[in-house]
Amino acid sequence: RDLGQIVDLCIKKDGLGFQVFNAVNDTITADMPTRLFLAKYAPNTPITREMGEFEAPISNRKIREVLGFREEHDWRKYVEV
């Protein structure tokens, strides 16, 4: 549903032209904190700033700033961890 919102925002945005967006939610889709996930599955990934405990390791900042995207459906609301 959040992906649908992103597509809808793109279609409605005048003058957008060709853009590339990371169509991801605000939080990581793993049941462990981001730092632990990266250490386990991508140990060579440089971490260049402080991150929220469950912040997505791929940023959606551009869709938030350019399109006004706001996540509505955090997967944790629907899945028992």
PDB file of N, CA and C in Angstrom:
ATOM      1  N   ARG A   1       0.814  -1.190   0.000  1.00  0.00           N
ATOM      2  CA  ARG A   1       0.000   0.000   0.000  1.00  0.00           C
ATOM      3  C   ARG A   1       0.853   1.247   0.000  1.00  0.00           C
ATOM      4  N   ASP A   2       1.960   1.220   0.738  1.00  0.00           N
ATOM      5  CA  ASP A   2       2.852   2.384   0.701  1.00  0.00           C
ATOM      6  C   ASP A   2       3.482   2.537  -0.677  1.00  0.00           C
ATOM      7  N   LEU A   3       3.799   1.431  -1.334  1.00  0.00           N
ATOM      8  CA  LEU A   3       4.321   1.510  -2.698  1.00  0.00           C
ATOM      9  C   LEU A   3       3.281   2.136  -3.626  1.00  0.00           C
ATOM     10  N   GLY A   4       2.035   1.765  -3.456  1.00  0.00           N
ATOM     11  CA  GLY A   4       0.962   2.373  -4.241  1.00  0.00           C
ATOM     12  C   GLY A   4       0.896   3.872  -4.014  1.00  0.00           C
ATOM     13  N   GLN A   5       1.081   4.292  -2.766  1.00  0.00           N
ATOM     14  CA  GLN A   5       1.095   5.721  -2.453  1.00  0.00           C
ATOM     15  C   GLN A   5       2.246   6.423  -3.189  1.00  0.00           C
ATOM     16  N   ILE A   6       3.407   5.788  -3.226  1.00  0.00           N
ATOM     17  CA  ILE A   6       4.566   6.371  -3.915  1.00  0.00           C
ATOM     18  C   ILE A   6       4.261   6.542  -5.403  1.00  0.00           C
ATOM     19  N   VAL A   7       3.708   5.512  -6.023  1.00  0.00           N
ATOM     20  CA  VAL A   7       3.367   5.584  -7.448  1.00  0.00           C
ATOM     21  C   VAL A   7       2.341   6.688  -7.682  1.00  0.00           C
ATOM     22  N   ASP A   8       1.326   6.757  -6.844  1.00  0.00           N
ATOM     23  CA  ASP A   8       0.300   7.792  -6.964  1.00  0.00           C
ATOM     24  C   ASP A   8       0.911   9.189  -6.844  1.00  0.00           C
ATOM     25  N   LEU A   9       1.804   9.381  -5.883  1.00  0.00           N
ATOM     26  CA  LEU A   9       2.460  10.679  -5.714  1.00  0.00           C
ATOM     27  C   LEU A   9       3.294  11.042  -6.939  1.00  0.00           C
ATOM     28  N   CYS A  10       3.972  10.061  -7.524  1.00  0.00           N
ATOM     29  CA  CYS A  10       4.765  10.311  -8.738  1.00  0.00           C
ATOM     30  C   CYS A  10       3.877  10.755  -9.891  1.00  0.00           C
ATOM     31  N   ILE A  11       2.772  10.062 -10.085  1.00  0.00           N
ATOM     32  CA  ILE A  11       1.866  10.379 -11.192  1.00  0.00           C
ATOM     33  C   ILE A  11       1.294  11.783 -11.038  1.00  0.00           C
ATOM     34  N   LYS A  12       0.999  12.167  -9.812  1.00  0.00           N
ATOM     35  CA  LYS A  12       0.360  13.466  -9.563  1.00  0.00           C
ATOM     36  C   LYS A  12       1.336  14.640  -9.515  1.00  0.00           C
ATOM     37  N   LYS A  13       2.641  14.368  -9.472  1.00  0.00           N
ATOM     38  CA  LYS A  13       3.638  15.436  -9.330  1.00  0.00           C
ATOM     39  C   LYS A  13       3.942  16.066 -10.686  1.00  0.00           C
ATOM     40  N   ASP A  14       3.560  17.323 -10.867  1.00  0.00           N
ATOM     41  CA  ASP A  14       3.846  18.049 -12.104  1.00  0.00           C
ATOM     42  C   ASP A  14       5.334  18.322 -12.241  1.00  0.00           C
ATOM     43  N   GLY A  15       5.841  18.162 -13.462  1.00  0.00           N
ATOM     44  CA  GLY A  15       7.226  18.503 -13.754  1.00  0.00           C
ATOM     45  C   GLY A  15       8.254  17.565 -13.167  1.00  0.00           C
ATOM     46  N   LEU A  16       7.846  16.387 -12.758  1.00  0.00           N
ATOM     47  CA  LEU A  16       8.777  15.456 -12.118  1.00  0.00           C
ATOM     48  C   LEU A  16       9.828  14.949 -13.099  1.00  0.00           C
ATOM     49  N   GLY A  17       9.429  14.717 -14.344  1.00  0.00           N
ATOM     50  CA  GLY A  17      10.386  14.195 -15.318  1.00  0.00           C
ATOM     51  C   GLY A  17      10.879  12.821 -14.897  1.00  0.00           C
ATOM     52  N   PHE A  18      12.076  12.462 -15.359  1.00  0.00           N
ATOM     53  CA  PHE A  18      12.664  11.169 -15.006  1.00  0.00           C
ATOM     54  C   PHE A  18      13.373  11.299 -13.666  1.00  0.00           C
ATOM     55  N   GLN A  19      12.998  10.475 -12.716  1.00  0.00           N
ATOM     56  CA  GLN A  19      13.609  10.459 -11.389  1.00  0.00           C
ATOM     57  C   GLN A  19      13.798   9.012 -10.957  1.00  0.00           C
ATOM     58  N   VAL A  20      14.755   8.794 -10.088  1.00  0.00           N
ATOM     59  CA  VAL A  20      14.972   7.481  -9.481  1.00  0.00           C
ATOM     60  C   VAL A  20      14.737   7.631  -7.985  1.00  0.00           C
ATOM     61  N   PHE A  21      13.884   6.782  -7.443  1.00  0.00           N
ATOM     62  CA  PHE A  21      13.579   6.805  -6.015  1.00  0.00           C
ATOM     63  C   PHE A  21      13.827   5.420  -5.421  1.00  0.00           C
ATOM     64  N   ASN A  22      14.264   5.381  -4.179  1.00  0.00           N
ATOM     65  CA  ASN A  22      14.308   4.135  -3.417  1.00  0.00           C
ATOM     66  C   ASN A  22      12.916   3.949  -2.824  1.00  0.00           C
ATOM     67  N   ALA A  23      12.157   3.026  -3.347  1.00  0.00           N
ATOM     68  CA  ALA A  23      10.788   2.794  -2.888  1.00  0.00           C
ATOM     69  C   ALA A  23      10.821   1.849  -1.691  1.00  0.00           C
ATOM     70  N   VAL A  24      11.221   2.396  -0.561  1.00  0.00           N
ATOM     71  CA  VAL A  24      11.339   1.621   0.675  1.00  0.00           C
ATOM     72  C   VAL A  24      10.629   2.358   1.803  1.00  0.00           C
ATOM     73  N   ASN A  25      10.286   1.621   2.835  1.00  0.00           N
ATOM     74  CA  ASN A  25       9.669   2.238   3.998  1.00  0.00           C
ATOM     75  C   ASN A  25      10.733   2.803   4.925  1.00  0.00           C
ATOM     76  N   ASP A  26      10.292   3.374   6.024  1.00  0.00           N
ATOM     77  CA  ASP A  26      11.201   4.056   6.943  1.00  0.00           C
ATOM     78  C   ASP A  26      12.049   3.102   7.773  1.00  0.00           C
ATOM     79  N   THR A  27      11.561   1.885   7.983  1.00  0.00           N
ATOM     80  CA  THR A  27      12.264   0.952   8.860  1.00  0.00           C
ATOM     81  C   THR A  27      12.735  -0.276   8.089  1.00  0.00           C
ATOM     82  N   ILE A  28      13.721  -0.925   8.649  1.00  0.00           N
ATOM     83  CA  ILE A  28      14.283  -2.135   8.051  1.00  0.00           C
ATOM     84  C   ILE A  28      13.251  -3.264   8.119  1.00  0.00           C
ATOM     85  N   THR A  29      13.221  -4.094   7.109  1.00  0.00           N
ATOM     86  CA  THR A  29      12.288  -5.229   7.118  1.00  0.00           C
ATOM     87  C   THR A  29      13.006  -6.477   7.621  1.00  0.00           C
ATOM     88  N   ALA A  30      13.518  -6.372   8.817  1.00  0.00           N
ATOM     89  CA  ALA A  30      14.185  -7.480   9.505  1.00  0.00           C
ATOM     90  C   ALA A  30      13.777  -7.396  10.969  1.00  0.00           C
ATOM     91  N   ASP A  31      13.843  -8.515  11.653  1.00  0.00           N
ATOM     92  CA  ASP A  31      13.422  -8.524  13.054  1.00  0.00           C
ATOM     93  C   ASP A  31      14.579  -8.261  14.010  1.00  0.00           C
ATOM     94  N   MET A  32      15.628  -7.625  13.505  1.00  0.00           N
ATOM     95  CA  MET A  32      16.766  -7.261  14.350  1.00  0.00           C
ATOM     96  C   MET A  32      17.148  -5.818  14.060  1.00  0.00           C
ATOM     97  N   PRO A  33      17.768  -5.153  15.014  1.00  0.00           N
ATOM     98  CA  PRO A  33      18.187  -3.772  14.787  1.00  0.00           C
ATOM     99  C   PRO A  33      19.113  -3.645  13.569  1.00  0.00           C
ATOM    100  N   THR A  34      19.069  -2.500  12.948  1.00  0.00           N
ATOM    101  CA  THR A  34      19.805  -2.256  11.709  1.00  0.00           C
ATOM    102  C   THR A  34      21.295  -2.526  11.856  1.00  0.00           C
ATOM    103  N   ARG A  35      21.919  -2.043  12.913  1.00  0.00           N
ATOM    104  CA  ARG A  35      23.367  -2.254  13.086  1.00  0.00           C
ATOM    105  C   ARG A  35      23.710  -3.739  13.154  1.00  0.00           C
ATOM    106  N   LEU A  36      22.917  -4.509  13.881  1.00  0.00           N
ATOM    107  CA  LEU A  36      23.163  -5.956  13.965  1.00  0.00           C
ATOM    108  C   LEU A  36      22.953  -6.623  12.608  1.00  0.00           C
ATOM    109  N   PHE A  37      21.904  -6.225  11.902  1.00  0.00           N
ATOM    110  CA  PHE A  37      21.633  -6.773  10.574  1.00  0.00           C
ATOM    111  C   PHE A  37      22.804  -6.513   9.632  1.00  0.00           C
ATOM    112  N   LEU A  38      23.284  -5.274   9.599  1.00  0.00           N
ATOM    113  CA  LEU A  38      24.394  -4.932   8.710  1.00  0.00           C
ATOM    114  C   LEU A  38      25.673  -5.665   9.108  1.00  0.00           C
ATOM    115  N   ALA A  39      25.917  -5.777  10.405  1.00  0.00           N
ATOM    116  CA  ALA A  39      27.116  -6.486  10.864  1.00  0.00           C
ATOM    117  C   ALA A  39      27.078  -7.959  10.448  1.00  0.00           C
ATOM    118  N   LYS A  40      25.895  -8.553  10.495  1.00  0.00           N
ATOM    119  CA  LYS A  40      25.761  -9.973  10.168  1.00  0.00           C
ATOM    120  C   LYS A  40      25.755 -10.236   8.659  1.00  0.00           C
ATOM    121  N   TYR A  41      24.983  -9.454   7.905  1.00  0.00           N
ATOM    122  CA  TYR A  41      24.766  -9.758   6.487  1.00  0.00           C
ATOM    123  C   TYR A  41      25.553  -8.879   5.514  1.00  0.00           C
ATOM    124  N   ALA A  42      26.068  -7.768   5.985  1.00  0.00           N
ATOM    125  CA  ALA A  42      26.839  -6.868   5.105  1.00  0.00           C
ATOM    126  C   ALA A  42      27.961  -6.229   5.922  1.00  0.00           C
ATOM    127  N   PRO A  43      28.869  -7.069   6.449  1.00  0.00           N
ATOM    128  CA  PRO A  43      29.871  -6.577   7.400  1.00  0.00           C
ATOM    129  C   PRO A  43      30.826  -5.529   6.837  1.00  0.00           C
ATOM    130  N   ASN A  44      30.954  -5.437   5.540  1.00  0.00           N
ATOM    131  CA  ASN A  44      31.864  -4.448   4.954  1.00  0.00           C
ATOM    132  C   ASN A  44      31.182  -3.133   4.606  1.00  0.00           C
ATOM    133  N   THR A  45      29.914  -3.002   4.970  1.00  0.00           N
ATOM    134  CA  THR A  45      29.184  -1.768   4.694  1.00  0.00           C
ATOM    135  C   THR A  45      29.654  -0.670   5.642  1.00  0.00           C
ATOM    136  N   PRO A  46      30.167   0.434   5.098  1.00  0.00           N
ATOM    137  CA  PRO A  46      30.564   1.533   5.979  1.00  0.00           C
ATOM    138  C   PRO A  46      29.323   2.238   6.538  1.00  0.00           C
ATOM    139  N   ILE A  47      29.335   2.500   7.816  1.00  0.00           N
ATOM    140  CA  ILE A  47      28.253   3.254   8.455  1.00  0.00           C
ATOM    141  C   ILE A  47      28.823   4.637   8.733  1.00  0.00           C
ATOM    142  N   THR A  48      28.276   5.635   8.053  1.00  0.00           N
ATOM    143  CA  THR A  48      28.879   6.970   8.072  1.00  0.00           C
ATOM    144  C   THR A  48      28.190   7.953   9.003  1.00  0.00           C
ATOM    145  N   ARG A  49      27.098   7.510   9.656  1.00  0.00           N
ATOM    146  CA  ARG A  49      26.384   8.391  10.589  1.00  0.00           C
ATOM    147  C   ARG A  49      25.582   7.537  11.559  1.00  0.00           C
ATOM    148  N   GLU A  50      25.110   8.166  12.604  1.00  0.00           N
ATOM    149  CA  GLU A  50      24.241   7.465  13.543  1.00  0.00           C
ATOM    150  C   GLU A  50      22.926   7.138  12.846  1.00  0.00           C
ATOM    151  N   MET A  51      22.399   5.959  13.143  1.00  0.00           N
ATOM    152  CA  MET A  51      21.124   5.536  12.563  1.00  0.00           C
ATOM    153  C   MET A  51      20.169   5.164  13.685  1.00  0.00           C
ATOM    154  N   GLY A  52      18.876   5.311  13.402  1.00  0.00           N
ATOM    155  CA  GLY A  52      17.871   4.857  14.345  1.00  0.00           C
ATOM    156  C   GLY A  52      17.955   3.353  14.516  1.00  0.00           C
ATOM    157  N   GLU A  53      17.452   2.840  15.620  1.00  0.00           N
ATOM    158  CA  GLU A  53      17.591   1.414  15.925  1.00  0.00           C
ATOM    159  C   GLU A  53      17.094   0.514  14.791  1.00  0.00           C
ATOM    160  N   PHE A  54      15.952   0.848  14.206  1.00  0.00           N
ATOM    161  CA  PHE A  54      15.391   0.044  13.122  1.00  0.00           C
ATOM    162  C   PHE A  54      15.270   0.839  11.823  1.00  0.00           C
ATOM    163  N   GLU A  55      16.066   1.876  11.678  1.00  0.00           N
ATOM    164  CA  GLU A  55      16.045   2.694  10.461  1.00  0.00           C
ATOM    165  C   GLU A  55      16.426   1.846   9.249  1.00  0.00           C
ATOM    166  N   ALA A  56      15.718   2.043   8.161  1.00  0.00           N
ATOM    167  CA  ALA A  56      16.048   1.312   6.932  1.00  0.00           C
ATOM    168  C   ALA A  56      17.456   1.683   6.484  1.00  0.00           C
ATOM    169  N   PRO A  57      18.263   0.696   6.115  1.00  0.00           N
ATOM    170  CA  PRO A  57      19.626   0.998   5.678  1.00  0.00           C
ATOM    171  C   PRO A  57      19.677   1.628   4.287  1.00  0.00           C
ATOM    172  N   ILE A  58      18.564   1.607   3.568  1.00  0.00           N
ATOM    173  CA  ILE A  58      18.446   2.295   2.280  1.00  0.00           C
ATOM    174  C   ILE A  58      17.496   3.464   2.502  1.00  0.00           C
ATOM    175  N   SER A  59      17.928   4.654   2.177  1.00  0.00           N
ATOM    176  CA  SER A  59      17.167   5.863   2.492  1.00  0.00           C
ATOM    177  C   SER A  59      16.008   6.112   1.533  1.00  0.00           C
ATOM    178  N   ASN A  60      14.898   6.559   2.101  1.00  0.00           N
ATOM    179  CA  ASN A  60      13.772   7.020   1.297  1.00  0.00           C
ATOM    180  C   ASN A  60      13.603   8.536   1.428  1.00  0.00           C
ATOM    181  N   ARG A  61      14.640   9.204   1.866  1.00  0.00           N
ATOM    182  CA  ARG A  61      14.575  10.652   2.091  1.00  0.00           C
ATOM    183  C   ARG A  61      14.115  11.410   0.847  1.00  0.00           C
ATOM    184  N   LYS A  62      14.584  10.992  -0.316  1.00  0.00           N
ATOM    185  CA  LYS A  62      14.219  11.711  -1.543  1.00  0.00           C
ATOM    186  C   LYS A  62      12.708  11.663  -1.794  1.00  0.00           C
ATOM    187  N   ILE A  63      12.074  10.508  -1.606  1.00  0.00           N
ATOM    188  CA  ILE A  63      10.623  10.457  -1.837  1.00  0.00           C
ATOM    189  C   ILE A  63       9.865  11.234  -0.765  1.00  0.00           C
ATOM    190  N   ARG A  64      10.421  11.325   0.425  1.00  0.00           N
ATOM    191  CA  ARG A  64       9.781  12.131   1.465  1.00  0.00           C
ATOM    192  C   ARG A  64       9.888  13.615   1.129  1.00  0.00           C
ATOM    193  N   GLU A  65      11.079  14.044   0.702  1.00  0.00           N
ATOM    194  CA  GLU A  65      11.297  15.463   0.430  1.00  0.00           C
ATOM    195  C   GLU A  65      10.671  15.918  -0.890  1.00  0.00           C
ATOM    196  N   VAL A  66      10.810  15.138  -1.946  1.00  0.00           N
ATOM    197  CA  VAL A  66      10.330  15.545  -3.274  1.00  0.00           C
ATOM    198  C   VAL A  66       8.826  15.317  -3.432  1.00  0.00           C
ATOM    199  N   LEU A  67       8.331  14.200  -2.905  1.00  0.00           N
ATOM    200  CA  LEU A  67       6.937  13.827  -3.130  1.00  0.00           C
ATOM    201  C   LEU A  67       6.042  13.993  -1.911  1.00  0.00           C
ATOM    202  N   GLY A  68       6.623  14.181  -0.738  1.00  0.00           N
ATOM    203  CA  GLY A  68       5.818  14.282   0.473  1.00  0.00           C
ATOM    204  C   GLY A  68       5.355  12.932   1.003  1.00  0.00           C
ATOM    205  N   PHE A  69       6.043  11.854   0.630  1.00  0.00           N
ATOM    206  CA  PHE A  69       5.686  10.510   1.091  1.00  0.00           C
ATOM    207  C   PHE A  69       5.769  10.417   2.608  1.00  0.00           C
ATOM    208  N   ARG A  70       4.770   9.762   3.200  1.00  0.00           N
ATOM    209  CA  ARG A  70       4.778   9.432   4.622  1.00  0.00           C
ATOM    210  C   ARG A  70       4.327   7.987   4.763  1.00  0.00           C
ATOM    211  N   GLU A  71       5.188   7.174   5.346  1.00  0.00           N
ATOM    212  CA  GLU A  71       4.841   5.761   5.558  1.00  0.00           C
ATOM    213  C   GLU A  71       3.575   5.658   6.388  1.00  0.00           C
ATOM    214  N   GLU A  72       2.666   4.790   5.950  1.00  0.00           N
ATOM    215  CA  GLU A  72       1.435   4.540   6.695  1.00  0.00           C
ATOM    216  C   GLU A  72       1.346   3.104   7.200  1.00  0.00           C
ATOM    217  N   HIS A  73       2.117   2.211   6.588  1.00  0.00           N
ATOM    218  CA  HIS A  73       1.939   0.786   6.878  1.00  0.00           C
ATOM    219  C   HIS A  73       3.259   0.128   7.275  1.00  0.00           C
ATOM    220  N   ASP A  74       3.719   0.422   8.484  1.00  0.00           N
ATOM    221  CA  ASP A  74       4.905  -0.266   9.006  1.00  0.00           C
ATOM    222  C   ASP A  74       4.560  -1.753   9.110  1.00  0.00           C
ATOM    223  N   TRP A  75       5.398  -2.592   8.547  1.00  0.00           N
ATOM    224  CA  TRP A  75       5.106  -4.032   8.509  1.00  0.00           C
ATOM    225  C   TRP A  75       4.916  -4.620   9.902  1.00  0.00           C
ATOM    226  N   ARG A  76       5.514  -3.998  10.914  1.00  0.00           N
ATOM    227  CA  ARG A  76       5.392  -4.524  12.276  1.00  0.00           C
ATOM    228  C   ARG A  76       3.960  -4.437  12.814  1.00  0.00           C
ATOM    229  N   LYS A  77       3.126  -3.613  12.195  1.00  0.00           N
ATOM    230  CA  LYS A  77       1.717  -3.540  12.590  1.00  0.00           C
ATOM    231  C   LYS A  77       0.951  -4.791  12.161  1.00  0.00           C
ATOM    232  N   TYR A  78       1.486  -5.511  11.189  1.00  0.00           N
ATOM    233  CA  TYR A  78       0.751  -6.610  10.571  1.00  0.00           C
ATOM    234  C   TYR A  78       1.369  -7.985  10.811  1.00  0.00           C
ATOM    235  N   VAL A  79       2.621  -8.014  11.268  1.00  0.00           N
ATOM    236  CA  VAL A  79       3.335  -9.277  11.454  1.00  0.00           C
ATOM    237  C   VAL A  79       3.809  -9.370  12.899  1.00  0.00           C
ATOM    238  N   GLU A  80       3.544 -10.491  13.533  1.00  0.00           N
ATOM    239  CA  GLU A  80       4.027 -10.711  14.892  1.00  0.00           C
ATOM    240  C   GLU A  80       5.481 -11.159  14.830  1.00  0.00           C
ATOM    241  N   VAL A  81       6.349 -10.440  15.542  1.00  0.00           N
ATOM    242  CA  VAL A  81       7.787 -10.746  15.514  1.00  0.00           C
ATOM    243  C   VAL A  81       8.178 -11.496  16.763  1.00  0.00           C
TER     244      VAL A  81
END
